[in-house]
PDB file of N, CA and C in Angstrom:
ATOM      1  N   MET A   1     -18.641  -1.459 -15.303  1.00  0.00           N
ATOM      2  CA  MET A   1     -18.150  -0.934 -14.043  1.00  0.00           C
ATOM      3  C   MET A   1     -18.443   0.566 -14.003  1.00  0.00           C
ATOM      4  N   THR A   2     -19.000   1.017 -12.888  1.00  0.00           N
ATOM      5  CA  THR A   2     -19.347   2.426 -12.751  1.00  0.00           C
ATOM      6  C   THR A   2     -18.097   3.270 -12.518  1.00  0.00           C
ATOM      7  N   LYS A   3     -18.253   4.560 -12.715  1.00  0.00           N
ATOM      8  CA  LYS A   3     -17.138   5.483 -12.496  1.00  0.00           C
ATOM      9  C   LYS A   3     -16.685   5.425 -11.038  1.00  0.00           C
ATOM     10  N   GLU A   4     -17.626   5.333 -10.108  1.00  0.00           N
ATOM     11  CA  GLU A   4     -17.280   5.266  -8.677  1.00  0.00           C
ATOM     12  C   GLU A   4     -16.476   4.005  -8.359  1.00  0.00           C
ATOM     13  N   LYS A   5     -16.864   2.882  -8.923  1.00  0.00           N
ATOM     14  CA  LYS A   5     -16.135   1.622  -8.698  1.00  0.00           C
ATOM     15  C   LYS A   5     -14.726   1.696  -9.294  1.00  0.00           C
ATOM     16  N   LYS A   6     -14.612   2.316 -10.477  1.00  0.00           N
ATOM     17  CA  LYS A   6     -13.293   2.489 -11.088  1.00  0.00           C
ATOM     18  C   LYS A   6     -12.409   3.364 -10.209  1.00  0.00           C
ATOM     19  N   GLN A   7     -12.979   4.435  -9.650  1.00  0.00           N
ATOM     20  CA  GLN A   7     -12.222   5.321  -8.775  1.00  0.00           C
ATOM     21  C   GLN A   7     -11.767   4.579  -7.518  1.00  0.00           C
ATOM     22  N   GLN A   8     -12.636   3.767  -6.949  1.00  0.00           N
ATOM     23  CA  GLN A   8     -12.278   3.004  -5.754  1.00  0.00           C
ATOM     24  C   GLN A   8     -11.157   2.013  -6.060  1.00  0.00           C
ATOM     25  N   LEU A   9     -11.237   1.350  -7.195  1.00  0.00           N
ATOM     26  CA  LEU A   9     -10.212   0.391  -7.577  1.00  0.00           C
ATOM     27  C   LEU A   9      -8.877   1.084  -7.827  1.00  0.00           C
ATOM     28  N   LEU A  10      -8.896   2.191  -8.559  1.00  0.00           N
ATOM     29  CA  LEU A  10      -7.670   2.935  -8.834  1.00  0.00           C
ATOM     30  C   LEU A  10      -7.075   3.479  -7.538  1.00  0.00           C
ATOM     31  N   PHE A  11      -7.910   3.973  -6.640  1.00  0.00           N
ATOM     32  CA  PHE A  11      -7.437   4.437  -5.332  1.00  0.00           C
ATOM     33  C   PHE A  11      -6.716   3.307  -4.604  1.00  0.00           C
ATOM     34  N   ALA A  12      -7.312   2.124  -4.564  1.00  0.00           N
ATOM     35  CA  ALA A  12      -6.716   0.986  -3.869  1.00  0.00           C
ATOM     36  C   ALA A  12      -5.380   0.592  -4.496  1.00  0.00           C
ATOM     37  N   VAL A  13      -5.325   0.577  -5.825  1.00  0.00           N
ATOM     38  CA  VAL A  13      -4.073   0.229  -6.508  1.00  0.00           C
ATOM     39  C   VAL A  13      -2.981   1.232  -6.152  1.00  0.00           C
ATOM     40  N   LEU A  14      -3.287   2.530  -6.301  1.00  0.00           N
ATOM     41  CA  LEU A  14      -2.274   3.552  -6.066  1.00  0.00           C
ATOM     42  C   LEU A  14      -1.882   3.650  -4.596  1.00  0.00           C
ATOM     43  N   MET A  15      -2.855   3.650  -3.701  1.00  0.00           N
ATOM     44  CA  MET A  15      -2.542   3.764  -2.274  1.00  0.00           C
ATOM     45  C   MET A  15      -1.712   2.578  -1.808  1.00  0.00           C
ATOM     46  N   SER A  16      -2.070   1.385  -2.229  1.00  0.00           N
ATOM     47  CA  SER A  16      -1.306   0.207  -1.806  1.00  0.00           C
ATOM     48  C   SER A  16       0.101   0.226  -2.403  1.00  0.00           C
ATOM     49  N   MET A  17       0.246   0.702  -3.634  1.00  0.00           N
ATOM     50  CA  MET A  17       1.581   0.789  -4.238  1.00  0.00           C
ATOM     51  C   MET A  17       2.452   1.811  -3.516  1.00  0.00           C
ATOM     52  N   PHE A  18       1.904   2.989  -3.260  1.00  0.00           N
ATOM     53  CA  PHE A  18       2.671   4.027  -2.566  1.00  0.00           C
ATOM     54  C   PHE A  18       3.105   3.554  -1.178  1.00  0.00           C
ATOM     55  N   MET A  19       2.167   2.995  -0.445  1.00  0.00           N
ATOM     56  CA  MET A  19       2.482   2.536   0.920  1.00  0.00           C
ATOM     57  C   MET A  19       3.487   1.392   0.899  1.00  0.00           C
ATOM     58  N   ALA A  20       3.284   0.407   0.043  1.00  0.00           N
ATOM     59  CA  ALA A  20       4.200  -0.728  -0.029  1.00  0.00           C
ATOM     60  C   ALA A  20       5.590  -0.267  -0.469  1.00  0.00           C
ATOM     61  N   PHE A  21       5.646   0.652  -1.430  1.00  0.00           N
ATOM     62  CA  PHE A  21       6.928   1.159  -1.920  1.00  0.00           C
ATOM     63  C   PHE A  21       7.708   1.846  -0.801  1.00  0.00           C
ATOM     64  N   CYS A  22       7.052   2.758  -0.109  1.00  0.00           N
ATOM     65  CA  CYS A  22       7.725   3.513   0.954  1.00  0.00           C
ATOM     66  C   CYS A  22       8.098   2.623   2.135  1.00  0.00           C
ATOM     67  N   MET A  23       7.154   1.848   2.593  1.00  0.00           N
ATOM     68  CA  MET A  23       7.409   1.034   3.782  1.00  0.00           C
ATOM     69  C   MET A  23       8.438  -0.062   3.510  1.00  0.00           C
ATOM     70  N   SER A  24       8.376  -0.703   2.353  1.00  0.00           N
ATOM     71  CA  SER A  24       9.355  -1.750   2.058  1.00  0.00           C
ATOM     72  C   SER A  24      10.755  -1.151   1.926  1.00  0.00           C
ATOM     73  N   GLY A  25      10.859   0.027   1.352  1.00  0.00           N
ATOM     74  CA  GLY A  25      12.164   0.684   1.234  1.00  0.00           C
ATOM     75  C   GLY A  25      12.741   1.056   2.583  1.00  0.00           C
ATOM     76  N   ILE A  26      11.914   1.651   3.420  1.00  0.00           N
ATOM     77  CA  ILE A  26      12.377   2.053   4.754  1.00  0.00           C
ATOM     78  C   ILE A  26      12.779   0.835   5.578  1.00  0.00           C
ATOM     79  N   LEU A  27      11.930  -0.182   5.589  1.00  0.00           N
ATOM     80  CA  LEU A  27      12.232  -1.359   6.399  1.00  0.00           C
ATOM     81  C   LEU A  27      13.395  -2.172   5.846  1.00  0.00           C
ATOM     82  N   THR A  28      13.538  -2.227   4.531  1.00  0.00           N
ATOM     83  CA  THR A  28      14.690  -2.915   3.946  1.00  0.00           C
ATOM     84  C   THR A  28      15.979  -2.193   4.323  1.00  0.00           C
ATOM     85  N   ALA A  29      15.988  -0.876   4.231  1.00  0.00           N
ATOM     86  CA  ALA A  29      17.173  -0.102   4.614  1.00  0.00           C
ATOM     87  C   ALA A  29      17.472  -0.273   6.095  1.00  0.00           C
ATOM     88  N   PHE A  30      16.458  -0.223   6.914  1.00  0.00           N
ATOM     89  CA  PHE A  30      16.636  -0.345   8.357  1.00  0.00           C
ATOM     90  C   PHE A  30      17.172  -1.724   8.736  1.00  0.00           C
ATOM     91  N   ASN A  31      16.619  -2.766   8.137  1.00  0.00           N
ATOM     92  CA  ASN A  31      16.970  -4.133   8.525  1.00  0.00           C
ATOM     93  C   ASN A  31      18.244  -4.663   7.870  1.00  0.00           C
ATOM     94  N   THR A  32      18.563  -4.210   6.651  1.00  0.00           N
ATOM     95  CA  THR A  32      19.702  -4.800   5.947  1.00  0.00           C
ATOM     96  C   THR A  32      20.744  -3.772   5.527  1.00  0.00           C
ATOM     97  N   GLY A  33      20.445  -2.503   5.686  1.00  0.00           N
ATOM     98  CA  GLY A  33      21.398  -1.467   5.291  1.00  0.00           C
ATOM     99  C   GLY A  33      21.325  -1.160   3.802  1.00  0.00           C
ATOM    100  N   ILE A  34      21.969  -0.072   3.443  1.00  0.00           N
ATOM    101  CA  ILE A  34      22.001   0.352   2.042  1.00  0.00           C
ATOM    102  C   ILE A  34      23.389   0.044   1.507  1.00  0.00           C
ATOM    103  N   ASP A  35      23.444  -0.940   0.621  1.00  0.00           N
ATOM    104  CA  ASP A  35      24.708  -1.337   0.011  1.00  0.00           C
ATOM    105  C   ASP A  35      24.437  -1.715  -1.439  1.00  0.00           C
ATOM    106  N   GLY A  36      25.325  -2.447  -2.042  1.00  0.00           N
ATOM    107  CA  GLY A  36      25.198  -2.794  -3.454  1.00  0.00           C
ATOM    108  C   GLY A  36      23.968  -3.623  -3.791  1.00  0.00           C
ATOM    109  N   GLY A  37      23.473  -4.413  -2.860  1.00  0.00           N
ATOM    110  CA  GLY A  37      22.313  -5.263  -3.124  1.00  0.00           C
ATOM    111  C   GLY A  37      20.992  -4.688  -2.659  1.00  0.00           C
ATOM    112  N   PHE A  38      21.028  -3.434  -2.213  1.00  0.00           N
ATOM    113  CA  PHE A  38      19.821  -2.832  -1.632  1.00  0.00           C
ATOM    114  C   PHE A  38      18.640  -2.782  -2.590  1.00  0.00           C
ATOM    115  N   VAL A  39      18.871  -2.329  -3.807  1.00  0.00           N
ATOM    116  CA  VAL A  39      17.760  -2.157  -4.760  1.00  0.00           C
ATOM    117  C   VAL A  39      17.073  -3.496  -5.044  1.00  0.00           C
ATOM    118  N   GLY A  40      17.830  -4.544  -5.206  1.00  0.00           N
ATOM    119  CA  GLY A  40      17.250  -5.862  -5.443  1.00  0.00           C
ATOM    120  C   GLY A  40      16.431  -6.365  -4.264  1.00  0.00           C
ATOM    121  N   ARG A  41      16.973  -6.182  -3.062  1.00  0.00           N
ATOM    122  CA  ARG A  41      16.226  -6.580  -1.857  1.00  0.00           C
ATOM    123  C   ARG A  41      14.953  -5.758  -1.711  1.00  0.00           C
ATOM    124  N   TRP A  42      15.060  -4.445  -2.000  1.00  0.00           N
ATOM    125  CA  TRP A  42      13.905  -3.565  -1.905  1.00  0.00           C
ATOM    126  C   TRP A  42      12.837  -3.985  -2.911  1.00  0.00           C
ATOM    127  N   ALA A  43      13.244  -4.282  -4.138  1.00  0.00           N
ATOM    128  CA  ALA A  43      12.278  -4.687  -5.166  1.00  0.00           C
ATOM    129  C   ALA A  43      11.549  -5.970  -4.758  1.00  0.00           C
ATOM    130  N   LYS A  44      12.282  -6.913  -4.240  1.00  0.00           N
ATOM    131  CA  LYS A  44      11.671  -8.170  -3.792  1.00  0.00           C
ATOM    132  C   LYS A  44      10.710  -7.917  -2.628  1.00  0.00           C
ATOM    133  N   ALA A  45      11.117  -7.089  -1.687  1.00  0.00           N
ATOM    134  CA  ALA A  45      10.254  -6.757  -0.551  1.00  0.00           C
ATOM    135  C   ALA A  45       9.019  -5.983  -1.005  1.00  0.00           C
ATOM    136  N   PHE A  46       9.198  -5.078  -1.979  1.00  0.00           N
ATOM    137  CA  PHE A  46       8.068  -4.300  -2.490  1.00  0.00           C
ATOM    138  C   PHE A  46       7.003  -5.203  -3.103  1.00  0.00           C
ATOM    139  N   VAL A  47       7.416  -6.151  -3.924  1.00  0.00           N
ATOM    140  CA  VAL A  47       6.447  -7.055  -4.567  1.00  0.00           C
ATOM    141  C   VAL A  47       5.670  -7.823  -3.508  1.00  0.00           C
ATOM    142  N   ALA A  48       6.384  -8.366  -2.515  1.00  0.00           N
ATOM    143  CA  ALA A  48       5.709  -9.113  -1.444  1.00  0.00           C
ATOM    144  C   ALA A  48       4.767  -8.205  -0.655  1.00  0.00           C
ATOM    145  N   ALA A  49       5.210  -6.988  -0.369  1.00  0.00           N
ATOM    146  CA  ALA A  49       4.385  -6.051   0.399  1.00  0.00           C
ATOM    147  C   ALA A  49       3.150  -5.628  -0.386  1.00  0.00           C
ATOM    148  N   TRP A  50       3.312  -5.387  -1.689  1.00  0.00           N
ATOM    149  CA  TRP A  50       2.169  -4.936  -2.486  1.00  0.00           C
ATOM    150  C   TRP A  50       1.123  -6.031  -2.639  1.00  0.00           C
ATOM    151  N   ILE A  51       1.586  -7.274  -2.765  1.00  0.00           N
ATOM    152  CA  ILE A  51       0.644  -8.395  -2.852  1.00  0.00           C
ATOM    153  C   ILE A  51      -0.226  -8.460  -1.600  1.00  0.00           C
ATOM    154  N   CYS A  52       0.340  -8.107  -0.460  1.00  0.00           N
ATOM    155  CA  CYS A  52      -0.442  -8.069   0.792  1.00  0.00           C
ATOM    156  C   CYS A  52      -1.252  -6.776   0.909  1.00  0.00           C
ATOM    157  N   ALA A  53      -0.651  -5.660   0.534  1.00  0.00           N
ATOM    158  CA  ALA A  53      -1.272  -4.353   0.754  1.00  0.00           C
ATOM    159  C   ALA A  53      -2.520  -4.127  -0.085  1.00  0.00           C
ATOM    160  N   PHE A  54      -2.510  -4.574  -1.334  1.00  0.00           N
ATOM    161  CA  PHE A  54      -3.648  -4.288  -2.207  1.00  0.00           C
ATOM    162  C   PHE A  54      -4.957  -4.868  -1.674  1.00  0.00           C
ATOM    163  N   PRO A  55      -5.028  -6.154  -1.350  1.00  0.00           N
ATOM    164  CA  PRO A  55      -6.302  -6.649  -0.819  1.00  0.00           C
ATOM    165  C   PRO A  55      -6.666  -6.029   0.532  1.00  0.00           C
ATOM    166  N   LEU A  56      -5.648  -5.690   1.332  1.00  0.00           N
ATOM    167  CA  LEU A  56      -5.944  -5.059   2.618  1.00  0.00           C
ATOM    168  C   LEU A  56      -6.556  -3.675   2.432  1.00  0.00           C
ATOM    169  N   VAL A  57      -6.056  -2.913   1.463  1.00  0.00           N
ATOM    170  CA  VAL A  57      -6.661  -1.604   1.174  1.00  0.00           C
ATOM    171  C   VAL A  57      -8.091  -1.791   0.668  1.00  0.00           C
ATOM    172  N   MET A  58      -8.308  -2.786  -0.162  1.00  0.00           N
ATOM    173  CA  MET A  58      -9.669  -3.052  -0.660  1.00  0.00           C
ATOM    174  C   MET A  58     -10.622  -3.371   0.487  1.00  0.00           C
ATOM    175  N   ILE A  59     -10.135  -4.056   1.505  1.00  0.00           N
ATOM    176  CA  ILE A  59     -10.967  -4.422   2.653  1.00  0.00           C
ATOM    177  C   ILE A  59     -11.157  -3.239   3.603  1.00  0.00           C
ATOM    178  N   PHE A  60     -10.057  -2.554   3.935  1.00  0.00           N
ATOM    179  CA  PHE A  60     -10.115  -1.566   5.006  1.00  0.00           C
ATOM    180  C   PHE A  60     -10.453  -0.147   4.574  1.00  0.00           C
ATOM    181  N   ALA A  61     -10.275   0.224   3.323  1.00  0.00           N
ATOM    182  CA  ALA A  61     -10.603   1.590   2.894  1.00  0.00           C
ATOM    183  C   ALA A  61     -12.085   1.915   3.095  1.00  0.00           C
ATOM    184  N   PRO A  62     -13.019   1.028   2.721  1.00  0.00           N
ATOM    185  CA  PRO A  62     -14.425   1.349   2.973  1.00  0.00           C
ATOM    186  C   PRO A  62     -14.740   1.473   4.467  1.00  0.00           C
ATOM    187  N   LEU A  63     -14.115   0.629   5.266  1.00  0.00           N
ATOM    188  CA  LEU A  63     -14.335   0.718   6.713  1.00  0.00           C
ATOM    189  C   LEU A  63     -13.780   2.027   7.268  1.00  0.00           C
ATOM    190  N   ALA A  64     -12.625   2.434   6.780  1.00  0.00           N
ATOM    191  CA  ALA A  64     -12.031   3.695   7.227  1.00  0.00           C
ATOM    192  C   ALA A  64     -12.901   4.879   6.820  1.00  0.00           C
ATOM    193  N   ARG A  65     -13.448   4.837   5.592  1.00  0.00           N
ATOM    194  CA  ARG A  65     -14.338   5.925   5.148  1.00  0.00           C
ATOM    195  C   ARG A  65     -15.567   6.030   6.046  1.00  0.00           C
ATOM    196  N   LYS A  66     -16.154   4.884   6.391  1.00  0.00           N
ATOM    197  CA  LYS A  66     -17.326   4.888   7.274  1.00  0.00           C
ATOM    198  C   LYS A  66     -16.970   5.412   8.658  1.00  0.00           C
ATOM    199  N   LEU A  67     -15.819   4.993   9.178  1.00  0.00           N
ATOM    200  CA  LEU A  67     -15.388   5.457  10.493  1.00  0.00           C
ATOM    201  C   LEU A  67     -15.148   6.960  10.491  1.00  0.00           C
ATOM    202  N   VAL A  68     -14.521   7.466   9.448  1.00  0.00           N
ATOM    203  CA  VAL A  68     -14.296   8.915   9.338  1.00  0.00           C
ATOM    204  C   VAL A  68     -15.627   9.649   9.287  1.00  0.00           C
ATOM    205  N   GLY A  69     -16.575   9.133   8.515  1.00  0.00           N
ATOM    206  CA  GLY A  69     -17.898   9.757   8.442  1.00  0.00           C
ATOM    207  C   GLY A  69     -18.587   9.788   9.791  1.00  0.00           C
ATOM    208  N   THR A  70     -18.440   8.714  10.544  1.00  0.00           N
ATOM    209  CA  THR A  70     -19.041   8.651  11.886  1.00  0.00           C
ATOM    210  C   THR A  70     -18.370   9.619  12.833  1.00  0.00           C
ATOM    211  N   LEU A  71     -17.053   9.694  12.798  1.00  0.00           N
ATOM    212  CA  LEU A  71     -16.312  10.548  13.714  1.00  0.00           C
ATOM    213  C   LEU A  71     -16.482  12.033  13.395  1.00  0.00           C
ATOM    214  N   ILE A  72     -16.693  12.366  12.134  1.00  0.00           N
ATOM    215  CA  ILE A  72     -16.838  13.764  11.738  1.00  0.00           C
ATOM    216  C   ILE A  72     -18.209  14.326  12.094  1.00  0.00           C
ATOM    217  N   LYS A  73     -19.208  13.455  12.151  1.00  0.00           N
ATOM    218  CA  LYS A  73     -20.576  13.935  12.438  1.00  0.00           C
ATOM    219  C   LYS A  73     -20.691  14.658  13.737  1.00  0.00           C
TER     220      LYS A  73
END
């Protein structure tokens, strides 16, 4: 695996984790409130969100890079 491919993979892992972590926490708090069971609900939502987010970042990050390159020209 080339250095560029490793960077792309690591970017996708980290970006999807950060986004899933933040969004699942915000939406869990908004939808169910913050109480004694919040952390458990958030953890469950995070896992489900990350399973979806990672492949989506792998698909859409290259498209977003191309679109940015086109728009910046």
